[in-house]
Amino acid sequence: MSEAEQFLNNLLDSLDHEVNEALNNAQVTVVERDDGFDVKDVPSSSSDTWIKLSNVVAVVCDLKGSTHLGTGKHDKSTTRIYKAGVEGAVRIFHEFEADFIDIQGDGGFGLFWGDRAYERALCAAVTIRTFSEKHFVKRLETRWPDAPSTGYKVGIHAGRTLVKRIGTRRVISEQEAVWAGKPVNYAAKCAQSADRHEVVITGDVWDRFKNNDYIAFSCDCNDGPTANLWSDMTVDRLPADDQAAVKLESPWCATCGPAFCEAIMTGKTKRDIPESVRQSIIKMKMQQALDAKRPWNQGRPVNRGK
């Protein structure tokens, strides 16, 4: 047996042993932490401890058509596009106090937990969507009119998450925090299902936002508040029971956006919304899907009344 063959066989045998140990004999401890958890305390790869956070809100942003942004031999223009887009999104995550930020190629994700996690996440998502159209793509198309169509697609999901660093033991530079669970995975699939300049959120997240008048309804500009701000959509990349979602195509209003963002971030939820407008929310397919998933509705038809 050659030295190369011996190396490969030894490596695979060693990995097989490690897999068996991990699946059958490893001692694992799961520690629940409260909202005050700090990302610097994520256990290293050499630790047997995982941290469980009961509710993490994930916002994933994905740049549409990024594989077509490479401008042939023009490497400098490609690097400028990536720098402008990715650094802009990351700064937005930072400004809205994401508890963890990860850059992945042409985009990345921000994780939010603790005080006003949902509100911070939503405001970050809408700001990325606004930045995408009004600043990043606007300047990109001015500089390169023939550039491929691009812009950020954004997805949001929330739920329970397990986390620890995984990688080469005792080599910190080769370890990364792994967030096991649905939030990042589902948010990524929502982003993939969106078009550029859209925010797609799952039903679980919409259930938290539907009663916030600053989120569910449009501002008072034009013809006054409407329930047309969000529209139903299906994320077919998700399991059948979780495919109902809603999408936002509008950016922050140039007139009302700053005030609405501040209201959401400070916990305000109520506005003067006509009852007829409120009732239109009930007619959304998303609301019907949420009603059908309520524990008390399982196994029997839902009585919606009038």
C-alpha atoms as a PDB file:
ATOM      1  CA  MET A   1       0.000   0.000   0.000  1.00  0.00           C
ATOM      2  CA  SER A   2       1.388   3.367  -0.987  1.00  0.00           C
ATOM      3  CA  GLU A   3       1.940   6.183   1.485  1.00  0.00           C
ATOM      4  CA  ALA A   4      -0.925   8.164  -0.088  1.00  0.00           C
ATOM      5  CA  GLU A   5      -3.310   5.207   0.215  1.00  0.00           C
ATOM      6  CA  GLN A   6      -2.277   4.647   3.827  1.00  0.00           C
ATOM      7  CA  PHE A   7      -2.864   8.332   4.624  1.00  0.00           C
ATOM      8  CA  LEU A   8      -6.371   8.302   3.157  1.00  0.00           C
ATOM      9  CA  ASN A   9      -7.343   5.021   4.810  1.00  0.00           C
ATOM     10  CA  ASN A  10      -6.064   6.173   8.190  1.00  0.00           C
ATOM     11  CA  LEU A  11      -7.943   9.466   7.876  1.00  0.00           C
ATOM     12  CA  LEU A  12     -11.237   7.771   7.001  1.00  0.00           C
ATOM     13  CA  ASP A  13     -10.829   5.173   9.761  1.00  0.00           C
ATOM     14  CA  SER A  14     -10.175   7.946  12.263  1.00  0.00           C
ATOM     15  CA  LEU A  15     -13.225   9.869  11.096  1.00  0.00           C
ATOM     16  CA  ASP A  16     -15.377   6.745  11.322  1.00  0.00           C
ATOM     17  CA  HIS A  17     -14.301   6.310  14.929  1.00  0.00           C
ATOM     18  CA  GLU A  18     -15.066   9.953  15.723  1.00  0.00           C
ATOM     19  CA  VAL A  19     -18.526   9.701  14.129  1.00  0.00           C
ATOM     20  CA  ASN A  20     -19.300   6.589  16.169  1.00  0.00           C
ATOM     21  CA  GLU A  21     -18.172   8.315  19.359  1.00  0.00           C
ATOM     22  CA  ALA A  22     -20.192  11.437  18.603  1.00  0.00           C
ATOM     23  CA  LEU A  23     -23.372   9.506  17.817  1.00  0.00           C
ATOM     24  CA  ASN A  24     -23.217   6.852  20.524  1.00  0.00           C
ATOM     25  CA  ASN A  25     -20.842   7.660  23.342  1.00  0.00           C
ATOM     26  CA  ALA A  26     -20.290  11.409  23.548  1.00  0.00           C
ATOM     27  CA  GLN A  27     -21.423  13.201  26.695  1.00  0.00           C
ATOM     28  CA  VAL A  28     -23.567  16.185  25.703  1.00  0.00           C
ATOM     29  CA  THR A  29     -24.909  18.875  27.997  1.00  0.00           C
ATOM     30  CA  VAL A  30     -27.613  21.323  26.894  1.00  0.00           C
ATOM     31  CA  VAL A  31     -27.832  24.492  28.971  1.00  0.00           C
ATOM     32  CA  GLU A  32     -30.793  26.836  28.657  1.00  0.00           C
ATOM     33  CA  ARG A  33     -29.881  30.495  28.796  1.00  0.00           C
ATOM     34  CA  ASP A  34     -32.047  33.571  29.191  1.00  0.00           C
ATOM     35  CA  ASP A  35     -32.245  36.688  27.078  1.00  0.00           C
ATOM     36  CA  GLY A  36     -29.049  38.071  28.589  1.00  0.00           C
ATOM     37  CA  PHE A  37     -26.866  35.524  26.794  1.00  0.00           C
ATOM     38  CA  ASP A  38     -23.793  37.030  25.108  1.00  0.00           C
ATOM     39  CA  VAL A  39     -22.412  35.519  21.924  1.00  0.00           C
ATOM     40  CA  LYS A  40     -18.882  35.614  23.338  1.00  0.00           C
ATOM     41  CA  ASP A  41     -19.997  32.840  25.690  1.00  0.00           C
ATOM     42  CA  VAL A  42     -20.758  30.337  22.897  1.00  0.00           C
ATOM     43  CA  PRO A  43     -18.912  27.126  23.915  1.00  0.00           C
ATOM     44  CA  SER A  44     -15.848  26.098  21.908  1.00  0.00           C
ATOM     45  CA  SER A  45     -15.525  22.941  19.833  1.00  0.00           C
ATOM     46  CA  SER A  46     -13.695  21.192  22.664  1.00  0.00           C
ATOM     47  CA  SER A  47     -16.647  21.701  25.026  1.00  0.00           C
ATOM     48  CA  ASP A  48     -19.418  19.138  25.459  1.00  0.00           C
ATOM     49  CA  THR A  49     -21.953  21.899  26.140  1.00  0.00           C
ATOM     50  CA  TRP A  50     -24.551  23.356  23.793  1.00  0.00           C
ATOM     51  CA  ILE A  51     -26.513  26.497  24.602  1.00  0.00           C
ATOM     52  CA  LYS A  52     -30.276  26.492  23.983  1.00  0.00           C
ATOM     53  CA  LEU A  53     -31.978  29.828  23.326  1.00  0.00           C
ATOM     54  CA  SER A  54     -35.758  29.552  23.367  1.00  0.00           C
ATOM     55  CA  ASN A  55     -36.468  32.258  20.804  1.00  0.00           C
ATOM     56  CA  VAL A  56     -34.044  33.631  18.226  1.00  0.00           C
ATOM     57  CA  VAL A  57     -35.148  35.814  15.312  1.00  0.00           C
ATOM     58  CA  ALA A  58     -33.091  35.266  12.161  1.00  0.00           C
ATOM     59  CA  VAL A  59     -32.866  37.769   9.311  1.00  0.00           C
ATOM     60  CA  VAL A  60     -31.161  36.468   6.177  1.00  0.00           C
ATOM     61  CA  CYS A  61     -30.243  38.717   3.241  1.00  0.00           C
ATOM     62  CA  ASP A  62     -29.270  37.255  -0.108  1.00  0.00           C
ATOM     63  CA  LEU A  63     -28.078  39.231  -3.131  1.00  0.00           C
ATOM     64  CA  LYS A  64     -30.036  38.308  -6.261  1.00  0.00           C
ATOM     65  CA  GLY A  65     -27.994  37.219  -9.269  1.00  0.00           C
ATOM     66  CA  SER A  66     -24.664  37.635  -7.531  1.00  0.00           C
ATOM     67  CA  THR A  67     -23.035  35.022  -9.756  1.00  0.00           C
ATOM     68  CA  HIS A  68     -23.638  37.340 -12.724  1.00  0.00           C
ATOM     69  CA  LEU A  69     -22.052  40.364 -11.071  1.00  0.00           C
ATOM     70  CA  GLY A  70     -18.548  39.295 -11.946  1.00  0.00           C
ATOM     71  CA  THR A  71     -17.746  41.712 -14.755  1.00  0.00           C
ATOM     72  CA  GLY A  72     -15.374  39.589 -16.816  1.00  0.00           C
ATOM     73  CA  LYS A  73     -11.839  40.821 -16.432  1.00  0.00           C
ATOM     74  CA  HIS A  74     -12.948  43.834 -14.441  1.00  0.00           C
ATOM     75  CA  ASP A  75     -12.048  42.500 -11.008  1.00  0.00           C
ATOM     76  CA  LYS A  76     -11.997  45.921  -9.381  1.00  0.00           C
ATOM     77  CA  SER A  77     -15.616  46.666 -10.306  1.00  0.00           C
ATOM     78  CA  THR A  78     -16.699  43.287  -8.879  1.00  0.00           C
ATOM     79  CA  THR A  79     -14.954  43.979  -5.581  1.00  0.00           C
ATOM     80  CA  ARG A  80     -16.561  47.419  -5.376  1.00  0.00           C
ATOM     81  CA  ILE A  81     -20.033  45.925  -5.853  1.00  0.00           C
ATOM     82  CA  TYR A  82     -19.501  43.331  -3.131  1.00  0.00           C
ATOM     83  CA  LYS A  83     -17.970  45.842  -0.738  1.00  0.00           C
ATOM     84  CA  ALA A  84     -20.826  48.325  -1.180  1.00  0.00           C
ATOM     85  CA  GLY A  85     -23.592  45.754  -0.881  1.00  0.00           C
ATOM     86  CA  VAL A  86     -22.304  43.459   1.850  1.00  0.00           C
ATOM     87  CA  GLU A  87     -20.825  46.147   4.082  1.00  0.00           C
ATOM     88  CA  GLY A  88     -24.059  48.124   3.834  1.00  0.00           C
ATOM     89  CA  ALA A  89     -26.154  45.168   4.992  1.00  0.00           C
ATOM     90  CA  VAL A  90     -23.724  44.336   7.793  1.00  0.00           C
ATOM     91  CA  ARG A  91     -23.757  47.905   9.068  1.00  0.00           C
ATOM     92  CA  ILE A  92     -27.555  47.812   9.179  1.00  0.00           C
ATOM     93  CA  PHE A  93     -27.460  44.621  11.273  1.00  0.00           C
ATOM     94  CA  HIS A  94     -24.957  46.321  13.570  1.00  0.00           C
ATOM     95  CA  GLU A  95     -26.968  49.531  13.937  1.00  0.00           C
ATOM     96  CA  PHE A  96     -30.074  47.571  14.921  1.00  0.00           C
ATOM     97  CA  GLU A  97     -28.017  45.693  17.511  1.00  0.00           C
ATOM     98  CA  ALA A  98     -28.050  42.192  16.086  1.00  0.00           C
ATOM     99  CA  ASP A  99     -26.673  39.847  18.734  1.00  0.00           C
ATOM    100  CA  PHE A 100     -24.774  37.832  16.125  1.00  0.00           C
ATOM    101  CA  ILE A 101     -23.766  38.704  12.553  1.00  0.00           C
ATOM    102  CA  ASP A 102     -22.364  36.304   9.980  1.00  0.00           C
ATOM    103  CA  ILE A 103     -21.215  37.200   6.462  1.00  0.00           C
ATOM    104  CA  GLN A 104     -21.737  34.512   3.854  1.00  0.00           C
ATOM    105  CA  GLY A 105     -20.456  35.432   0.414  1.00  0.00           C
ATOM    106  CA  ASP A 106     -22.795  38.008  -1.090  1.00  0.00           C
ATOM    107  CA  GLY A 107     -24.960  38.402   2.005  1.00  0.00           C
ATOM    108  CA  GLY A 108     -25.316  36.961   5.451  1.00  0.00           C
ATOM    109  CA  PHE A 109     -27.568  36.889   8.457  1.00  0.00           C
ATOM    110  CA  GLY A 110     -28.225  38.640  11.726  1.00  0.00           C
ATOM    111  CA  LEU A 111     -29.622  36.950  14.826  1.00  0.00           C
ATOM    112  CA  PHE A 112     -31.652  38.801  17.426  1.00  0.00           C
ATOM    113  CA  TRP A 113     -32.720  37.762  20.905  1.00  0.00           C
ATOM    114  CA  GLY A 114     -33.580  39.510  24.137  1.00  0.00           C
ATOM    115  CA  ASP A 115     -35.316  42.866  24.445  1.00  0.00           C
ATOM    116  CA  ARG A 116     -37.437  43.775  21.387  1.00  0.00           C
ATOM    117  CA  ALA A 117     -35.755  41.114  19.275  1.00  0.00           C
ATOM    118  CA  TYR A 118     -38.663  40.911  16.820  1.00  0.00           C
ATOM    119  CA  GLU A 119     -38.870  44.664  16.425  1.00  0.00           C
ATOM    120  CA  ARG A 120     -35.127  45.097  15.920  1.00  0.00           C
ATOM    121  CA  ALA A 121     -35.105  42.267  13.387  1.00  0.00           C
ATOM    122  CA  LEU A 122     -38.046  43.649  11.404  1.00  0.00           C
ATOM    123  CA  CYS A 123     -36.614  47.162  11.292  1.00  0.00           C
ATOM    124  CA  ALA A 124     -33.254  45.807  10.156  1.00  0.00           C
ATOM    125  CA  ALA A 125     -34.944  43.754   7.418  1.00  0.00           C
ATOM    126  CA  VAL A 126     -36.990  46.671   6.059  1.00  0.00           C
ATOM    127  CA  THR A 127     -33.938  48.935   6.219  1.00  0.00           C
ATOM    128  CA  ILE A 128     -31.890  46.429   4.199  1.00  0.00           C
ATOM    129  CA  ARG A 129     -34.742  46.250   1.687  1.00  0.00           C
ATOM    130  CA  THR A 130     -34.829  50.080   1.484  1.00  0.00           C
ATOM    131  CA  PHE A 131     -31.049  50.370   1.226  1.00  0.00           C
ATOM    132  CA  SER A 132     -31.085  47.732  -1.508  1.00  0.00           C
ATOM    133  CA  GLU A 133     -33.329  49.693  -3.875  1.00  0.00           C
ATOM    134  CA  LYS A 134     -32.878  53.322  -2.932  1.00  0.00           C
ATOM    135  CA  HIS A 135     -29.133  53.415  -2.421  1.00  0.00           C
ATOM    136  CA  PHE A 136     -27.173  50.301  -3.420  1.00  0.00           C
ATOM    137  CA  VAL A 137     -28.879  49.363  -6.696  1.00  0.00           C
ATOM    138  CA  LYS A 138     -29.658  52.974  -7.621  1.00  0.00           C
ATOM    139  CA  ARG A 139     -25.989  53.910  -7.495  1.00  0.00           C
ATOM    140  CA  LEU A 140     -24.912  50.590  -9.042  1.00  0.00           C
ATOM    141  CA  GLU A 141     -27.138  51.102 -12.089  1.00  0.00           C
ATOM    142  CA  THR A 142     -25.988  54.709 -12.417  1.00  0.00           C
ATOM    143  CA  ARG A 143     -22.359  53.580 -12.430  1.00  0.00           C
ATOM    144  CA  TRP A 144     -22.925  50.516 -14.643  1.00  0.00           C
ATOM    145  CA  PRO A 145     -26.210  50.859 -16.602  1.00  0.00           C
ATOM    146  CA  ASP A 146     -25.752  47.401 -18.153  1.00  0.00           C
ATOM    147  CA  ALA A 147     -25.134  45.632 -14.827  1.00  0.00           C
ATOM    148  CA  PRO A 148     -27.231  42.475 -14.217  1.00  0.00           C
ATOM    149  CA  SER A 149     -30.435  42.915 -12.222  1.00  0.00           C
ATOM    150  CA  THR A 150     -29.643  42.575  -8.548  1.00  0.00           C
ATOM    151  CA  GLY A 151     -30.717  43.648  -5.077  1.00  0.00           C
ATOM    152  CA  TYR A 152     -31.243  42.116  -1.664  1.00  0.00           C
ATOM    153  CA  LYS A 153     -33.832  39.430  -0.965  1.00  0.00           C
ATOM    154  CA  VAL A 154     -34.664  39.177   2.739  1.00  0.00           C
ATOM    155  CA  GLY A 155     -36.241  36.429   4.851  1.00  0.00           C
ATOM    156  CA  ILE A 156     -37.216  36.212   8.532  1.00  0.00           C
ATOM    157  CA  HIS A 157     -38.056  33.300  10.830  1.00  0.00           C
ATOM    158  CA  ALA A 158     -37.896  32.768  14.577  1.00  0.00           C
ATOM    159  CA  GLY A 159     -37.743  29.823  16.938  1.00  0.00           C
ATOM    160  CA  ARG A 160     -35.678  27.698  19.302  1.00  0.00           C
ATOM    161  CA  THR A 161     -31.959  27.398  18.558  1.00  0.00           C
ATOM    162  CA  LEU A 162     -29.014  25.349  19.815  1.00  0.00           C
ATOM    163  CA  VAL A 163     -25.541  26.817  19.444  1.00  0.00           C
ATOM    164  CA  LYS A 164     -21.892  25.984  19.984  1.00  0.00           C
ATOM    165  CA  ARG A 165     -18.681  26.382  18.022  1.00  0.00           C
ATOM    166  CA  ILE A 166     -17.770  23.467  15.784  1.00  0.00           C
ATOM    167  CA  GLY A 167     -14.550  22.832  13.906  1.00  0.00           C
ATOM    168  CA  THR A 168     -10.972  21.810  14.582  1.00  0.00           C
ATOM    169  CA  ARG A 169     -10.523  21.261  18.302  1.00  0.00           C
ATOM    170  CA  ARG A 170      -8.033  23.570  19.988  1.00  0.00           C
ATOM    171  CA  VAL A 171      -7.740  25.715  16.832  1.00  0.00           C
ATOM    172  CA  ILE A 172     -10.027  28.697  17.390  1.00  0.00           C
ATOM    173  CA  SER A 173      -9.433  30.127  13.919  1.00  0.00           C
ATOM    174  CA  GLU A 174     -10.965  26.956  12.424  1.00  0.00           C
ATOM    175  CA  GLN A 175     -14.112  27.008  14.553  1.00  0.00           C
ATOM    176  CA  GLU A 176     -17.437  28.648  13.723  1.00  0.00           C
ATOM    177  CA  ALA A 177     -20.627  29.081  15.717  1.00  0.00           C
ATOM    178  CA  VAL A 178     -23.288  26.691  14.429  1.00  0.00           C
ATOM    179  CA  TRP A 179     -26.915  27.691  15.023  1.00  0.00           C
ATOM    180  CA  ALA A 180     -28.845  24.422  14.878  1.00  0.00           C
ATOM    181  CA  GLY A 181     -32.592  24.701  14.399  1.00  0.00           C
ATOM    182  CA  LYS A 182     -35.142  26.265  12.084  1.00  0.00           C
ATOM    183  CA  PRO A 183     -34.561  30.051  12.349  1.00  0.00           C
ATOM    184  CA  VAL A 184     -31.583  30.475  10.011  1.00  0.00           C
ATOM    185  CA  ASN A 185     -32.645  27.615   7.740  1.00  0.00           C
ATOM    186  CA  TYR A 186     -36.230  28.820   7.311  1.00  0.00           C
ATOM    187  CA  ALA A 187     -35.199  32.477   6.973  1.00  0.00           C
ATOM    188  CA  ALA A 188     -32.729  31.497   4.240  1.00  0.00           C
ATOM    189  CA  LYS A 189     -35.444  29.639   2.331  1.00  0.00           C
ATOM    190  CA  CYS A 190     -37.722  32.670   2.648  1.00  0.00           C
ATOM    191  CA  ALA A 191     -34.974  34.886   1.234  1.00  0.00           C
ATOM    192  CA  GLN A 192     -34.386  32.451  -1.616  1.00  0.00           C
ATOM    193  CA  SER A 193     -38.109  32.541  -2.452  1.00  0.00           C
ATOM    194  CA  ALA A 194     -38.221  36.332  -2.526  1.00  0.00           C
ATOM    195  CA  ASP A 195     -37.452  38.608  -5.435  1.00  0.00           C
ATOM    196  CA  ARG A 196     -35.056  41.505  -5.094  1.00  0.00           C
ATOM    197  CA  HIS A 197     -36.258  44.302  -2.803  1.00  0.00           C
ATOM    198  CA  GLU A 198     -38.698  41.975  -0.983  1.00  0.00           C
ATOM    199  CA  VAL A 199     -38.981  40.855   2.639  1.00  0.00           C
ATOM    200  CA  VAL A 200     -40.624  37.447   3.211  1.00  0.00           C
ATOM    201  CA  ILE A 201     -41.609  36.342   6.717  1.00  0.00           C
ATOM    202  CA  THR A 202     -43.024  33.043   7.952  1.00  0.00           C
ATOM    203  CA  GLY A 203     -46.368  32.595   9.644  1.00  0.00           C
ATOM    204  CA  ASP A 204     -44.848  32.323  13.119  1.00  0.00           C
ATOM    205  CA  VAL A 205     -43.271  35.753  12.716  1.00  0.00           C
ATOM    206  CA  TRP A 206     -46.364  37.311  11.144  1.00  0.00           C
ATOM    207  CA  ASP A 207     -48.350  36.085  14.148  1.00  0.00           C
ATOM    208  CA  ARG A 208     -46.219  38.436  16.260  1.00  0.00           C
ATOM    209  CA  PHE A 209     -46.531  41.385  13.874  1.00  0.00           C
ATOM    210  CA  LYS A 210     -50.172  41.288  12.762  1.00  0.00           C
ATOM    211  CA  ASN A 211     -51.377  43.214  15.833  1.00  0.00           C
ATOM    212  CA  ASN A 212     -48.801  45.967  15.469  1.00  0.00           C
ATOM    213  CA  ASP A 213     -50.450  48.790  13.513  1.00  0.00           C
ATOM    214  CA  TYR A 214     -47.069  50.276  12.559  1.00  0.00           C
ATOM    215  CA  ILE A 215     -46.125  47.003  10.839  1.00  0.00           C
ATOM    216  CA  ALA A 216     -49.369  45.481   9.569  1.00  0.00           C
ATOM    217  CA  PHE A 217     -50.771  48.608   7.900  1.00  0.00           C
ATOM    218  CA  SER A 218     -49.366  51.197   5.533  1.00  0.00           C
ATOM    219  CA  CYS A 219     -48.752  54.763   6.642  1.00  0.00           C
ATOM    220  CA  ASP A 220     -51.205  57.672   6.258  1.00  0.00           C
ATOM    221  CA  CYS A 221     -49.751  58.917   2.968  1.00  0.00           C
ATOM    222  CA  ASN A 222     -51.794  58.865  -0.235  1.00  0.00           C
ATOM    223  CA  ASP A 223     -55.217  57.382   0.559  1.00  0.00           C
ATOM    224  CA  GLY A 224     -54.541  56.652   4.229  1.00  0.00           C
ATOM    225  CA  PRO A 225     -53.685  53.349   5.943  1.00  0.00           C
ATOM    226  CA  THR A 226     -54.460  50.123   4.100  1.00  0.00           C
ATOM    227  CA  ALA A 227     -53.957  46.424   4.738  1.00  0.00           C
ATOM    228  CA  ASN A 228     -52.291  45.998   1.351  1.00  0.00           C
ATOM    229  CA  LEU A 229     -48.783  46.495   2.686  1.00  0.00           C
ATOM    230  CA  TRP A 230     -48.233  42.741   3.041  1.00  0.00           C
ATOM    231  CA  SER A 231     -49.415  40.103   0.585  1.00  0.00           C
ATOM    232  CA  ASP A 232     -49.801  36.339   0.862  1.00  0.00           C
ATOM    233  CA  MET A 233     -47.259  34.021  -0.705  1.00  0.00           C
ATOM    234  CA  THR A 234     -46.174  30.392  -0.521  1.00  0.00           C
ATOM    235  CA  VAL A 235     -42.613  29.347   0.281  1.00  0.00           C
ATOM    236  CA  ASP A 236     -42.544  25.971  -1.413  1.00  0.00           C
ATOM    237  CA  ARG A 237     -39.033  25.275  -0.144  1.00  0.00           C
ATOM    238  CA  LEU A 238     -40.472  24.846   3.379  1.00  0.00           C
ATOM    239  CA  PRO A 239     -42.427  21.851   4.763  1.00  0.00           C
ATOM    240  CA  ALA A 240     -46.095  21.833   3.748  1.00  0.00           C
ATOM    241  CA  ASP A 241     -47.400  22.994   7.146  1.00  0.00           C
ATOM    242  CA  ASP A 242     -45.033  25.997   7.194  1.00  0.00           C
ATOM    243  CA  GLN A 243     -45.277  27.249   3.596  1.00  0.00           C
ATOM    244  CA  ALA A 244     -47.812  30.033   4.207  1.00  0.00           C
ATOM    245  CA  ALA A 245     -45.941  33.338   4.387  1.00  0.00           C
ATOM    246  CA  VAL A 246     -46.332  37.025   3.660  1.00  0.00           C
ATOM    247  CA  LYS A 247     -44.115  39.399   1.728  1.00  0.00           C
ATOM    248  CA  LEU A 248     -43.402  43.100   1.865  1.00  0.00           C
ATOM    249  CA  GLU A 249     -42.475  44.851  -1.359  1.00  0.00           C
ATOM    250  CA  SER A 250     -42.449  48.440  -0.087  1.00  0.00           C
ATOM    251  CA  PRO A 251     -39.456  50.278   1.415  1.00  0.00           C
ATOM    252  CA  TRP A 252     -39.674  52.643   4.354  1.00  0.00           C
ATOM    253  CA  CYS A 253     -41.839  55.591   3.323  1.00  0.00           C
ATOM    254  CA  ALA A 254     -39.616  58.616   2.618  1.00  0.00           C
ATOM    255  CA  THR A 255     -41.975  60.759   4.699  1.00  0.00           C
ATOM    256  CA  CYS A 256     -43.164  58.457   7.490  1.00  0.00           C
ATOM    257  CA  GLY A 257     -40.432  55.815   7.567  1.00  0.00           C
ATOM    258  CA  PRO A 258     -38.191  57.336  10.256  1.00  0.00           C
ATOM    259  CA  ALA A 259     -41.130  57.939  12.613  1.00  0.00           C
ATOM    260  CA  PHE A 260     -42.524  54.443  12.016  1.00  0.00           C
ATOM    261  CA  CYS A 261     -39.122  52.856  12.603  1.00  0.00           C
ATOM    262  CA  GLU A 262     -38.773  54.756  15.881  1.00  0.00           C
ATOM    263  CA  ALA A 263     -42.301  53.789  16.944  1.00  0.00           C
ATOM    264  CA  ILE A 264     -41.632  50.100  16.289  1.00  0.00           C
ATOM    265  CA  MET A 265     -38.282  50.181  18.073  1.00  0.00           C
ATOM    266  CA  THR A 266     -39.776  51.881  21.142  1.00  0.00           C
ATOM    267  CA  GLY A 267     -42.629  49.401  21.458  1.00  0.00           C
ATOM    268  CA  LYS A 268     -45.562  51.396  20.129  1.00  0.00           C
ATOM    269  CA  THR A 269     -48.255  49.259  18.505  1.00  0.00           C
ATOM    270  CA  LYS A 270     -51.516  51.231  18.121  1.00  0.00           C
ATOM    271  CA  ARG A 271     -52.647  53.778  15.525  1.00  0.00           C
ATOM    272  CA  ASP A 272     -56.007  55.155  14.441  1.00  0.00           C
ATOM    273  CA  ILE A 273     -56.920  52.479  11.877  1.00  0.00           C
ATOM    274  CA  PRO A 274     -60.469  52.302  10.427  1.00  0.00           C
ATOM    275  CA  GLU A 275     -62.270  49.128  11.479  1.00  0.00           C
ATOM    276  CA  SER A 276     -62.956  48.199   7.872  1.00  0.00           C
ATOM    277  CA  VAL A 277     -59.219  48.225   7.224  1.00  0.00           C
ATOM    278  CA  ARG A 278     -58.530  46.126  10.315  1.00  0.00           C
ATOM    279  CA  GLN A 279     -61.046  43.511   9.239  1.00  0.00           C
ATOM    280  CA  SER A 280     -59.308  43.033   5.895  1.00  0.00           C
ATOM    281  CA  ILE A 281     -56.362  41.436   7.704  1.00  0.00           C
ATOM    282  CA  ILE A 282     -58.632  38.551   8.706  1.00  0.00           C
ATOM    283  CA  LYS A 283     -59.255  37.785   5.041  1.00  0.00           C
ATOM    284  CA  MET A 284     -55.592  37.075   4.335  1.00  0.00           C
ATOM    285  CA  LYS A 285     -54.748  33.462   3.550  1.00  0.00           C
ATOM    286  CA  MET A 286     -51.953  33.702   6.091  1.00  0.00           C
ATOM    287  CA  GLN A 287     -54.427  34.451   8.869  1.00  0.00           C
ATOM    288  CA  GLN A 288     -56.545  31.496   7.805  1.00  0.00           C
ATOM    289  CA  ALA A 289     -53.474  29.261   7.847  1.00  0.00           C
ATOM    290  CA  LEU A 290     -52.590  30.443  11.353  1.00  0.00           C
ATOM    291  CA  ASP A 291     -56.145  29.797  12.551  1.00  0.00           C
ATOM    292  CA  ALA A 292     -55.994  26.267  11.176  1.00  0.00           C
ATOM    293  CA  LYS A 293     -52.762  25.587  13.098  1.00  0.00           C
ATOM    294  CA  ARG A 294     -54.172  26.650  16.474  1.00  0.00           C
ATOM    295  CA  PRO A 295     -54.130  23.681  18.883  1.00  0.00           C
ATOM    296  CA  TRP A 296     -57.841  24.034  19.625  1.00  0.00           C
ATOM    297  CA  ASN A 297     -58.676  23.797  15.923  1.00  0.00           C
ATOM    298  CA  GLN A 298     -56.845  20.559  15.240  1.00  0.00           C
ATOM    299  CA  GLY A 299     -59.167  17.856  14.007  1.00  0.00           C
ATOM    300  CA  ARG A 300     -62.224  20.063  13.547  1.00  0.00           C
ATOM    301  CA  PRO A 301     -63.318  22.768  11.123  1.00  0.00           C
ATOM    302  CA  VAL A 302     -62.683  26.396  11.959  1.00  0.00           C
ATOM    303  CA  ASN A 303     -65.777  28.530  12.567  1.00  0.00           C
ATOM    304  CA  ARG A 304     -64.895  31.951  11.191  1.00  0.00           C
ATOM    305  CA  GLY A 305     -68.324  33.534  11.580  1.00  0.00           C
ATOM    306  CA  LYS A 306     -68.919  37.043  10.271  1.00  0.00           C
END
